[in-house]
Amino acid sequence: MNEETLQFGRLALRGGLVTGGAQAVRMAIQFISVVVLARLLAPEDFGLVASVSPIVAFVGLFQNLGLQQAVIQRKEIGERQLNQVFWISALVGLACTLAVVALSPAVATFYGDPRMTAITVAAALPLLLGSLASLPLALMNRHLKFGQLALNDVCAAVVGLLVTAVAAWLGMGYWSLVIGPAASAAVALLAAWLSTRWIPGRPEFRIDRDIISFGANLTGFNLVNFFSRNLDNILIGKFAGPAELGYYDRAYKLLLFPLQNITQPLSRVMIPLMSRIQEDKARFRDIYLRINWLLAIVTMPGIAALTLAAEPTVGILFGEKWLPVAPIFAWLGIASLMQPVSSTTGWIFICQGETKTMFRWGIYSSLTTVLSFAVGLKWGAVGVAAAYAVSGYLLRVPVLAWLLQRLGPVSAGDFLLVQSLFLGSALVAWLGYGLLPKALTGTSDILALGSAIALNYAVALVFALALSPPRQVLLDVFKRGLSALRQ
């Protein structure tokens, strides 16, 4: 193993440990937030804010035109280009904020609730703050300042939780869910500028065409992908009401949102590192697969366990009044089994500069997802979750595998093998769960959940050890762990 490979491994390991540790803290904060706020606020409070969130998220897709990732991915970028990126991002962020404010009366009219006007206006502030922070954050990511990024993220998350929880405890209701994110965004902005101390020059709004093209295609992907992430909230809020949306929102936040909190920070580490080796295809493929085997081993059995024990999970965390969340949670769990690995395919597109192909994939994925929502809406939030899950396995995963085969260097077989191994282990564990004694599954929610977790990870471990690639990854992790303990 040459020195360059060792250096890459050390960077990836250090960045992964720092980012992973910080993300564990953020996930704990998110978990506490979900549980605590569910007891302080009513389902309608979550539904009101969730109804506005998709509109703000949609406008926010244009927040920096994909230029943040362009700064990270490019091999070389000059000071003048950085200045151009900053001013364009700031201008676009201001325009997005004003657009949301202008849309607020229409949002209230659409939902038939005058409270939506003020909620929408207040929810627009983080857009501007995020745009102003995008260039300093991109610079830290480009220069592999993972420790500082992690510290900044944790500080912002802690402040956001504290502000939200205190506001909810003081009886501010749905306003607490708007105030908290604004406080978190303000802390993130301040921390980013203090960390980099980068100073912009005079305003300049021209930029290289290849940077704009990269960012525009990435923004296009984010735009169409928005519909697969948020149209469900809009449809349920409009046709089933805020209470039903509140149940759906809690199920989504409890399961899919934590998954995003794993893959997004992991992307922060892997995209700048893999961009540096984009021309070494064999090495690119090997590193990508190693990371994904480990990611699948860690996440997929846990998701399968929570899906299997949906009712006990909801009962333990939220209480009896939230039990309607359980079937929604179960279907979203089935859908999310494939998402940890599928979500990392974006690295392949971005690191190789293939954002145009990524955009086309996003169009197809979005269209099939929207159609599934329309089909499932007849049966409310449960129907939407079920249709989303089924359409993912039938319509999206096979096409994504075919697209990866065409693009390379990761093949369709590579991608499907990681997915299918742990889908298979989940099916075996689900069948085995029914054979367990009632004393473990029927007398206590805590015992039922614990049994599901232990069984799923045990079966997954057997499956992983039976196949050479994941077995090698586990052995490498074991050896590194022993080496660290000896030092």
Protein backbone atom coordinates (compact mmCIF):
# COMPACT_ATOMS: atom_id res chain seq x y z
CA MET A 1 0.00 0.00 0.00
CA ASN A 2 1.65 3.26 -1.13
CA GLU A 3 2.02 6.43 0.93
CA GLU A 4 -0.69 8.26 -1.02
CA THR A 5 -3.22 5.53 -0.28
CA LEU A 6 -2.27 5.53 3.40
CA GLN A 7 -2.65 9.30 3.54
CA PHE A 8 -6.08 9.09 1.91
CA GLY A 9 -7.10 6.43 4.41
CA ARG A 10 -5.93 8.51 7.35
CA LEU A 11 -7.78 11.58 6.09
CA ALA A 12 -10.96 9.60 5.49
CA LEU A 13 -10.73 7.88 8.88
CA ARG A 14 -10.02 11.07 10.79
CA GLY A 15 -12.71 12.98 8.92
CA GLY A 16 -15.17 10.14 9.35
CA LEU A 17 -14.52 9.80 13.08
CA VAL A 18 -14.79 13.53 13.74
CA THR A 19 -17.84 13.99 11.53
CA GLY A 20 -19.42 10.76 12.76
CA GLY A 21 -18.94 11.73 16.39
CA ALA A 22 -20.44 15.15 15.83
CA GLN A 23 -23.29 13.65 13.88
CA ALA A 24 -23.99 11.18 16.67
CA VAL A 25 -24.38 14.18 18.95
CA ARG A 26 -26.64 15.90 16.42
CA MET A 27 -28.74 12.77 16.00
CA ALA A 28 -29.08 12.49 19.76
CA ILE A 29 -30.19 16.12 19.83
CA GLN A 30 -32.66 15.46 17.01
CA PHE A 31 -33.95 12.37 18.78
CA ILE A 32 -34.40 14.30 22.04
CA SER A 33 -36.11 17.07 20.09
CA VAL A 34 -38.58 14.69 18.47
CA VAL A 35 -39.48 13.07 21.78
CA VAL A 36 -39.56 16.22 23.94
CA LEU A 37 -41.46 18.39 21.49
CA ALA A 38 -44.03 15.64 20.89
CA ARG A 39 -44.92 15.97 24.58
CA LEU A 40 -44.89 19.78 24.67
CA LEU A 41 -46.77 20.49 21.44
CA ALA A 42 -49.93 19.25 19.75
CA PRO A 43 -50.04 17.40 16.41
CA GLU A 44 -51.63 20.49 14.84
CA ASP A 45 -48.58 22.61 15.76
CA PHE A 46 -46.30 20.28 13.81
CA GLY A 47 -48.79 20.14 10.97
CA LEU A 48 -48.96 23.92 10.61
CA VAL A 49 -45.20 24.33 10.33
CA ALA A 50 -44.82 21.19 8.19
CA SER A 51 -47.35 22.68 5.76
CA VAL A 52 -45.10 25.71 5.24
CA SER A 53 -41.79 23.86 5.21
CA PRO A 54 -42.10 22.47 1.65
CA ILE A 55 -42.65 25.94 0.20
CA VAL A 56 -39.62 27.34 2.00
CA ALA A 57 -37.58 24.28 1.05
CA PHE A 58 -38.60 24.66 -2.60
CA VAL A 59 -37.45 28.26 -2.83
CA GLY A 60 -34.34 27.34 -0.85
CA LEU A 61 -33.28 24.98 -3.64
CA PHE A 62 -32.07 28.06 -5.51
CA GLN A 63 -30.25 29.35 -2.43
CA ASN A 64 -26.74 29.15 -3.89
CA LEU A 65 -27.33 27.56 -7.33
CA GLY A 66 -25.18 24.54 -6.47
CA LEU A 67 -22.07 26.74 -6.29
CA GLN A 68 -21.11 25.45 -2.84
CA GLN A 69 -20.53 21.94 -4.21
CA ALA A 70 -18.74 23.40 -7.25
CA VAL A 71 -16.21 25.08 -4.94
CA ILE A 72 -15.61 21.75 -3.19
CA GLN A 73 -15.39 19.58 -6.34
CA ARG A 74 -13.09 21.67 -8.55
CA LYS A 75 -9.40 20.79 -8.50
CA GLU A 76 -8.39 24.46 -8.69
CA ILE A 77 -10.31 27.64 -7.94
CA GLY A 78 -8.97 31.21 -7.63
CA GLU A 79 -9.68 34.01 -5.18
CA ARG A 80 -11.59 35.97 -7.79
CA GLN A 81 -13.87 33.00 -8.49
CA LEU A 82 -14.49 32.58 -4.77
CA ASN A 83 -15.50 36.23 -4.53
CA GLN A 84 -17.88 35.80 -7.45
CA VAL A 85 -19.41 32.71 -5.85
CA PHE A 86 -19.97 34.57 -2.59
CA TRP A 87 -21.72 37.58 -4.11
CA ILE A 88 -23.90 35.50 -6.40
CA SER A 89 -24.88 33.27 -3.48
CA ALA A 90 -25.70 36.28 -1.31
CA LEU A 91 -27.80 37.87 -4.04
CA VAL A 92 -29.69 34.66 -4.73
CA GLY A 93 -30.26 34.12 -1.00
CA LEU A 94 -31.77 37.59 -0.65
CA ALA A 95 -33.98 36.98 -3.68
CA CYS A 96 -35.16 33.66 -2.23
CA THR A 97 -36.02 35.25 1.10
CA LEU A 98 -38.02 38.02 -0.56
CA ALA A 99 -39.77 35.46 -2.78
CA VAL A 100 -40.97 33.49 0.25
CA VAL A 101 -42.20 36.66 1.93
CA ALA A 102 -44.09 37.61 -1.25
CA LEU A 103 -45.65 34.13 -1.43
CA SER A 104 -46.89 34.15 2.18
CA PRO A 105 -50.42 35.46 1.43
CA ALA A 106 -50.83 32.84 -1.31
CA VAL A 107 -49.72 30.11 1.09
CA ALA A 108 -52.33 31.19 3.62
CA THR A 109 -55.00 31.23 0.90
CA PHE A 110 -54.00 27.77 -0.35
CA TYR A 111 -54.37 26.19 3.09
CA GLY A 112 -57.30 28.38 4.12
CA ASP A 113 -55.57 29.41 7.33
CA PRO A 114 -54.53 33.05 7.97
CA ARG A 115 -51.89 31.92 10.49
CA MET A 116 -49.81 30.66 7.59
CA THR A 117 -48.91 34.19 6.45
CA ALA A 118 -46.85 35.07 9.52
CA ILE A 119 -45.40 31.55 9.80
CA THR A 120 -44.18 31.69 6.20
CA VAL A 121 -42.57 35.12 6.62
CA ALA A 122 -40.74 34.01 9.76
CA ALA A 123 -39.59 30.76 8.14
CA ALA A 124 -37.88 32.70 5.32
CA LEU A 125 -35.08 34.18 7.47
CA PRO A 126 -32.83 31.05 7.53
CA LEU A 127 -32.65 31.20 3.72
CA LEU A 128 -30.71 34.46 3.75
CA LEU A 129 -28.53 33.36 6.67
CA GLY A 130 -27.72 30.10 4.94
CA SER A 131 -26.68 31.84 1.71
CA LEU A 132 -24.30 34.12 3.55
CA ALA A 133 -22.72 31.08 5.22
CA SER A 134 -22.41 28.92 2.09
CA LEU A 135 -19.00 30.12 0.85
CA PRO A 136 -17.20 29.90 4.24
CA LEU A 137 -18.70 26.42 4.73
CA ALA A 138 -17.56 25.35 1.25
CA LEU A 139 -14.02 26.58 1.97
CA MET A 140 -13.84 24.64 5.23
CA ASN A 141 -15.10 21.53 3.44
CA ARG A 142 -12.69 21.99 0.53
CA HIS A 143 -9.74 22.32 2.90
CA LEU A 144 -10.89 19.26 4.91
CA LYS A 145 -11.53 21.22 8.12
CA PHE A 146 -13.85 18.49 9.34
CA GLY A 147 -13.25 19.13 13.03
CA GLN A 148 -14.27 22.78 12.82
CA LEU A 149 -17.28 21.95 10.67
CA ALA A 150 -18.37 19.33 13.18
CA LEU A 151 -18.00 21.70 16.13
CA ASN A 152 -19.98 24.40 14.34
CA ASP A 153 -22.76 21.94 13.50
CA VAL A 154 -23.08 20.72 17.06
CA CYS A 155 -23.20 24.27 18.46
CA ALA A 156 -25.90 25.28 15.99
CA ALA A 157 -27.95 22.14 16.74
CA VAL A 158 -27.73 22.62 20.52
CA VAL A 159 -28.82 26.24 20.28
CA GLY A 160 -31.68 25.33 17.96
CA LEU A 161 -32.97 22.64 20.32
CA LEU A 162 -32.69 24.81 23.42
CA VAL A 163 -34.45 27.75 21.83
CA THR A 164 -37.22 25.54 20.42
CA ALA A 165 -37.76 23.63 23.67
CA VAL A 166 -37.80 26.77 25.84
CA ALA A 167 -40.22 28.50 23.49
CA ALA A 168 -42.50 25.44 23.50
CA TRP A 169 -42.32 25.19 27.30
CA LEU A 170 -43.29 28.87 27.53
CA GLY A 171 -46.45 28.10 25.57
CA MET A 172 -45.50 29.61 22.21
CA GLY A 173 -46.92 26.61 20.34
CA TYR A 174 -46.10 26.40 16.65
CA TRP A 175 -43.97 29.56 16.85
CA SER A 176 -41.33 27.57 18.74
CA LEU A 177 -40.83 25.40 15.63
CA VAL A 178 -40.02 28.53 13.60
CA ILE A 179 -37.89 30.40 16.13
CA GLY A 180 -35.56 27.48 16.82
CA PRO A 181 -34.34 26.95 13.22
CA ALA A 182 -33.75 30.70 12.83
CA ALA A 183 -31.58 30.74 15.95
CA SER A 184 -29.68 27.67 14.71
CA ALA A 185 -29.04 29.29 11.30
CA ALA A 186 -27.75 32.47 12.95
CA VAL A 187 -25.27 30.51 15.07
CA ALA A 188 -24.12 28.52 12.01
CA LEU A 189 -23.52 31.74 10.08
CA LEU A 190 -21.53 33.37 12.87
CA ALA A 191 -19.44 30.24 13.46
CA ALA A 192 -18.65 29.83 9.74
CA TRP A 193 -17.33 33.37 9.34
CA LEU A 194 -15.35 33.28 12.58
CA SER A 195 -13.76 29.97 11.54
CA THR A 196 -12.59 30.97 8.06
CA ARG A 197 -12.07 34.74 8.46
CA TRP A 198 -12.39 34.94 4.67
CA ILE A 199 -13.13 38.50 3.52
CA PRO A 200 -15.03 39.13 0.28
CA GLY A 201 -13.88 41.73 -2.22
CA ARG A 202 -16.03 44.20 -4.12
CA PRO A 203 -19.28 42.82 -5.52
CA GLU A 204 -18.84 40.90 -8.77
CA PHE A 205 -21.61 38.87 -10.41
CA ARG A 206 -19.87 37.21 -13.39
CA ILE A 207 -18.58 33.65 -13.09
CA ASP A 208 -17.00 30.90 -15.22
CA ARG A 209 -19.44 29.03 -17.44
CA ASP A 210 -18.28 25.55 -16.34
CA ILE A 211 -18.89 26.41 -12.66
CA ILE A 212 -22.36 27.71 -13.50
CA SER A 213 -23.11 24.62 -15.60
CA PHE A 214 -22.05 22.27 -12.79
CA GLY A 215 -24.10 24.19 -10.24
CA ALA A 216 -27.13 24.60 -12.51
CA ASN A 217 -27.41 20.86 -13.15
CA LEU A 218 -27.00 20.11 -9.47
CA THR A 219 -29.68 22.69 -8.67
CA GLY A 220 -31.89 21.08 -11.29
CA PHE A 221 -31.49 17.72 -9.58
CA ASN A 222 -32.27 19.26 -6.20
CA LEU A 223 -35.29 20.98 -7.71
CA VAL A 224 -36.92 17.84 -9.09
CA ASN A 225 -35.84 15.81 -6.06
CA PHE A 226 -37.72 18.32 -3.93
CA PHE A 227 -41.01 16.92 -5.12
CA SER A 228 -40.10 13.42 -3.97
CA ARG A 229 -39.21 14.79 -0.54
CA ASN A 230 -41.94 17.33 0.09
CA LEU A 231 -45.01 16.94 -2.11
CA ASP A 232 -46.31 14.30 0.27
CA ASN A 233 -46.50 16.96 3.02
CA ILE A 234 -48.36 19.37 0.77
CA LEU A 235 -50.92 16.80 -0.41
CA ILE A 236 -51.58 15.36 3.05
CA GLY A 237 -51.82 18.83 4.60
CA LYS A 238 -54.25 19.98 1.91
CA PHE A 239 -56.50 16.93 1.58
CA ALA A 240 -56.20 15.13 4.93
CA GLY A 241 -55.69 18.06 7.33
CA PRO A 242 -52.99 19.23 9.74
CA ALA A 243 -53.58 16.49 12.34
CA GLU A 244 -52.99 13.71 9.79
CA LEU A 245 -49.95 15.59 8.51
CA GLY A 246 -48.72 15.86 12.08
CA TYR A 247 -48.74 12.06 12.38
CA TYR A 248 -46.95 11.70 9.06
CA ASP A 249 -44.41 14.36 9.98
CA ARG A 250 -43.53 12.60 13.25
CA ALA A 251 -43.06 9.26 11.46
CA TYR A 252 -40.85 10.89 8.83
CA LYS A 253 -38.77 12.80 11.37
CA LEU A 254 -38.30 9.71 13.52
CA LEU A 255 -36.97 7.53 10.71
CA LEU A 256 -36.02 9.18 7.43
CA PHE A 257 -34.70 12.43 8.87
CA PRO A 258 -32.07 10.68 11.05
CA LEU A 259 -30.93 8.77 7.95
CA GLN A 260 -30.35 12.05 6.16
CA ASN A 261 -28.37 13.15 9.20
CA ILE A 262 -26.05 10.20 8.58
CA THR A 263 -25.56 10.49 4.83
CA GLN A 264 -25.25 14.28 4.61
CA PRO A 265 -22.23 14.59 6.96
CA LEU A 266 -20.71 11.49 5.37
CA SER A 267 -21.03 13.26 2.03
CA ARG A 268 -19.19 16.21 3.54
CA VAL A 269 -16.19 13.95 4.09
CA MET A 270 -16.35 11.76 0.99
CA ILE A 271 -17.10 14.28 -1.78
CA PRO A 272 -13.96 16.40 -1.33
CA LEU A 273 -11.81 13.31 -0.79
CA MET A 274 -13.22 11.29 -3.71
CA SER A 275 -13.09 14.32 -5.99
CA ARG A 276 -9.31 14.19 -5.58
CA ILE A 277 -9.15 10.64 -6.99
CA GLN A 278 -11.89 10.93 -9.62
CA GLU A 279 -9.50 9.90 -12.40
CA ASP A 280 -8.33 6.71 -10.65
CA LYS A 281 -11.41 4.60 -11.40
CA ALA A 282 -10.35 1.37 -9.68
CA ARG A 283 -9.47 3.20 -6.47
CA PHE A 284 -12.64 5.28 -6.68
CA ARG A 285 -14.78 2.12 -6.93
CA ASP A 286 -12.95 0.33 -4.12
CA ILE A 287 -13.31 3.22 -1.67
CA TYR A 288 -16.95 3.80 -2.58
CA LEU A 289 -17.87 0.15 -2.02
CA ARG A 290 -15.97 -0.14 1.26
CA ILE A 291 -17.80 2.87 2.67
CA ASN A 292 -21.15 1.55 1.51
CA TRP A 293 -20.67 -1.94 2.90
CA LEU A 294 -19.91 -0.40 6.27
CA LEU A 295 -22.81 2.04 5.99
CA ALA A 296 -25.22 -0.77 5.12
CA ILE A 297 -24.00 -2.98 7.97
CA VAL A 298 -24.52 -0.19 10.48
CA THR A 299 -27.85 1.21 9.28
CA MET A 300 -29.97 -1.36 7.45
CA PRO A 301 -30.45 -3.88 10.31
CA GLY A 302 -31.42 -1.03 12.63
CA ILE A 303 -34.00 0.28 10.18
CA ALA A 304 -35.36 -3.25 9.71
CA ALA A 305 -35.67 -3.67 13.49
CA LEU A 306 -37.54 -0.40 13.97
CA THR A 307 -39.84 -1.26 11.09
CA LEU A 308 -40.58 -4.67 12.56
CA ALA A 309 -41.33 -3.19 15.99
CA ALA A 310 -43.14 -0.07 14.78
CA GLU A 311 -45.87 -0.04 17.45
CA PRO A 312 -43.54 -0.65 20.41
CA THR A 313 -41.18 2.03 19.08
CA VAL A 314 -43.92 4.65 18.78
CA GLY A 315 -45.40 3.68 22.14
CA ILE A 316 -42.07 4.01 23.94
CA LEU A 317 -41.07 7.32 22.38
CA PHE A 318 -44.31 9.22 21.89
CA GLY A 319 -46.96 7.63 24.10
CA GLU A 320 -50.36 6.11 23.40
CA LYS A 321 -51.89 9.19 21.74
CA TRP A 322 -49.40 8.86 18.87
CA LEU A 323 -50.11 5.20 17.97
CA PRO A 324 -51.66 6.21 14.58
CA VAL A 325 -48.06 7.00 13.61
CA ALA A 326 -47.10 3.27 13.74
CA PRO A 327 -48.41 2.05 10.34
CA ILE A 328 -47.02 5.15 8.62
CA PHE A 329 -43.70 4.56 10.37
CA ALA A 330 -43.66 0.91 9.27
CA TRP A 331 -44.17 1.72 5.57
CA LEU A 332 -41.59 4.49 5.66
CA GLY A 333 -39.24 1.99 7.29
CA ILE A 334 -39.68 -0.40 4.38
CA ALA A 335 -38.99 2.46 1.98
CA SER A 336 -35.93 3.63 3.87
CA LEU A 337 -34.21 0.24 3.93
CA MET A 338 -32.77 0.97 0.48
CA GLN A 339 -31.99 4.63 1.09
CA PRO A 340 -28.66 4.61 2.98
CA VAL A 341 -26.87 3.08 -0.02
CA SER A 342 -29.01 4.70 -2.73
CA SER A 343 -28.39 8.17 -1.33
CA THR A 344 -24.61 7.82 -1.66
CA THR A 345 -24.84 7.37 -5.44
CA GLY A 346 -24.86 11.16 -5.59
CA TRP A 347 -21.13 11.01 -4.76
CA ILE A 348 -20.52 9.14 -8.01
CA PHE A 349 -22.27 11.81 -10.07
CA ILE A 350 -20.86 14.85 -8.26
CA CYS A 351 -17.24 13.71 -7.82
CA GLN A 352 -16.98 12.84 -11.53
CA GLY A 353 -18.66 16.09 -12.63
CA GLU A 354 -21.68 14.20 -14.01
CA THR A 355 -24.34 16.51 -12.60
CA LYS A 356 -26.14 16.57 -15.97
CA THR A 357 -26.74 12.82 -15.70
CA MET A 358 -27.70 13.30 -12.07
CA PHE A 359 -30.29 15.89 -13.13
CA ARG A 360 -31.86 13.48 -15.62
CA TRP A 361 -32.04 10.76 -12.99
CA GLY A 362 -33.68 13.24 -10.63
CA ILE A 363 -36.42 13.98 -13.16
CA TYR A 364 -37.31 10.30 -13.49
CA SER A 365 -37.13 9.67 -9.74
CA SER A 366 -39.29 12.68 -8.99
CA LEU A 367 -41.96 11.79 -11.55
CA THR A 368 -42.34 8.22 -10.28
CA THR A 369 -42.48 9.41 -6.67
CA VAL A 370 -45.12 12.05 -7.38
CA LEU A 371 -47.23 9.46 -9.19
CA SER A 372 -46.98 7.14 -6.20
CA PHE A 373 -48.18 9.92 -3.89
CA ALA A 374 -51.18 10.54 -6.13
CA VAL A 375 -52.05 6.82 -6.11
CA GLY A 376 -51.70 6.43 -2.34
CA LEU A 377 -53.44 9.65 -1.28
CA LYS A 378 -56.85 7.95 -1.44
CA TRP A 379 -55.89 6.04 1.73
CA GLY A 380 -54.46 9.06 3.56
CA ALA A 381 -51.00 9.28 5.10
CA VAL A 382 -50.66 5.50 5.39
CA GLY A 383 -51.47 5.09 1.70
CA VAL A 384 -48.94 7.73 0.68
CA ALA A 385 -46.20 6.00 2.71
CA ALA A 386 -47.09 2.57 1.31
CA ALA A 387 -47.18 3.73 -2.31
CA TYR A 388 -43.84 5.48 -1.86
CA ALA A 389 -42.26 2.29 -0.52
CA VAL A 390 -43.59 -0.01 -3.23
CA SER A 391 -42.73 2.34 -6.09
CA GLY A 392 -39.15 2.65 -4.83
CA TYR A 393 -38.45 -1.06 -5.16
CA LEU A 394 -40.31 -1.50 -8.44
CA LEU A 395 -39.51 1.70 -10.33
CA ARG A 396 -36.50 3.52 -8.94
CA VAL A 397 -33.87 1.11 -7.62
CA PRO A 398 -33.65 -0.95 -10.87
CA VAL A 399 -33.32 2.18 -13.02
CA LEU A 400 -30.68 3.68 -10.74
CA ALA A 401 -28.69 0.43 -10.96
CA TRP A 402 -28.86 0.54 -14.77
CA LEU A 403 -27.72 4.16 -14.78
CA LEU A 404 -24.73 3.38 -12.56
CA GLN A 405 -23.77 0.55 -14.91
CA ARG A 406 -23.64 3.00 -17.81
CA LEU A 407 -21.73 5.64 -15.89
CA GLY A 408 -19.20 3.53 -13.95
CA PRO A 409 -16.89 2.77 -12.26
CA VAL A 410 -19.40 1.28 -9.76
CA SER A 411 -21.48 -1.37 -11.56
CA ALA A 412 -25.13 -2.33 -11.21
CA GLY A 413 -24.01 -5.60 -9.66
CA ASP A 414 -21.94 -3.75 -7.04
CA PHE A 415 -24.88 -1.55 -6.11
CA LEU A 416 -27.52 -4.31 -6.02
CA LEU A 417 -25.32 -6.74 -4.09
CA VAL A 418 -24.99 -4.34 -1.15
CA GLN A 419 -28.74 -3.69 -1.17
CA SER A 420 -29.91 -7.27 -1.62
CA LEU A 421 -27.66 -8.83 1.04
CA PHE A 422 -29.19 -6.83 3.87
CA LEU A 423 -32.69 -6.84 2.44
CA GLY A 424 -32.37 -10.61 2.57
CA SER A 425 -31.14 -10.54 6.17
CA ALA A 426 -34.07 -8.29 7.10
CA LEU A 427 -36.58 -10.73 5.59
CA VAL A 428 -35.05 -13.66 7.48
CA ALA A 429 -35.10 -11.67 10.74
CA TRP A 430 -38.72 -10.65 10.22
CA LEU A 431 -39.70 -14.29 9.71
CA GLY A 432 -37.68 -15.35 12.74
CA TYR A 433 -39.26 -12.69 14.94
CA GLY A 434 -42.60 -14.47 14.72
CA LEU A 435 -41.02 -17.60 16.18
CA LEU A 436 -39.67 -15.87 19.28
CA PRO A 437 -41.41 -16.55 22.64
CA LYS A 438 -44.24 -14.19 23.58
CA ALA A 439 -42.29 -13.28 26.70
CA LEU A 440 -39.86 -11.41 24.45
CA THR A 441 -42.29 -9.82 21.99
CA GLY A 442 -45.70 -9.47 23.61
CA THR A 443 -45.28 -8.48 27.25
CA SER A 444 -43.25 -5.28 27.06
CA ASP A 445 -42.62 -2.66 24.38
CA ILE A 446 -39.01 -2.34 25.49
CA LEU A 447 -38.43 -6.10 25.31
CA ALA A 448 -40.13 -6.29 21.92
CA LEU A 449 -37.97 -3.52 20.48
CA GLY A 450 -34.80 -4.92 22.04
CA SER A 451 -35.53 -8.38 20.65
CA ALA A 452 -36.11 -6.97 17.16
CA ILE A 453 -32.84 -5.04 17.25
CA ALA A 454 -30.78 -7.99 18.54
CA LEU A 455 -32.29 -10.42 16.04
CA ASN A 456 -31.82 -8.15 13.00
CA TYR A 457 -28.20 -7.34 13.78
CA ALA A 458 -27.38 -10.98 14.54
CA VAL A 459 -28.82 -12.20 11.24
CA ALA A 460 -27.18 -9.33 9.33
CA LEU A 461 -23.80 -10.20 10.86
CA VAL A 462 -24.13 -13.81 9.72
CA PHE A 463 -25.01 -12.67 6.19
CA ALA A 464 -22.10 -10.19 6.13
CA LEU A 465 -19.55 -12.75 7.30
CA ALA A 466 -20.73 -15.21 4.65
CA LEU A 467 -19.71 -12.90 1.79
CA SER A 468 -16.12 -11.83 1.11
CA PRO A 469 -16.44 -8.03 0.53
CA PRO A 470 -18.41 -7.17 3.70
CA ARG A 471 -16.40 -9.73 5.69
CA GLN A 472 -13.18 -7.97 4.67
CA VAL A 473 -14.62 -4.59 5.65
CA LEU A 474 -15.60 -5.92 9.09
CA LEU A 475 -12.15 -7.46 9.57
CA ASP A 476 -10.48 -4.17 8.64
CA VAL A 477 -12.64 -2.29 11.13
CA PHE A 478 -11.87 -4.90 13.81
CA LYS A 479 -8.11 -4.67 13.18
CA ARG A 480 -8.17 -0.86 13.25
CA GLY A 481 -10.12 -0.98 16.50
CA LEU A 482 -7.59 -3.35 18.10
CA SER A 483 -4.71 -1.19 16.88
CA ALA A 484 -6.31 1.91 18.38
CA LEU A 485 -6.82 0.18 21.73
CA ARG A 486 -3.18 -0.92 21.87
CA GLN A 487 -1.86 2.61 21.34
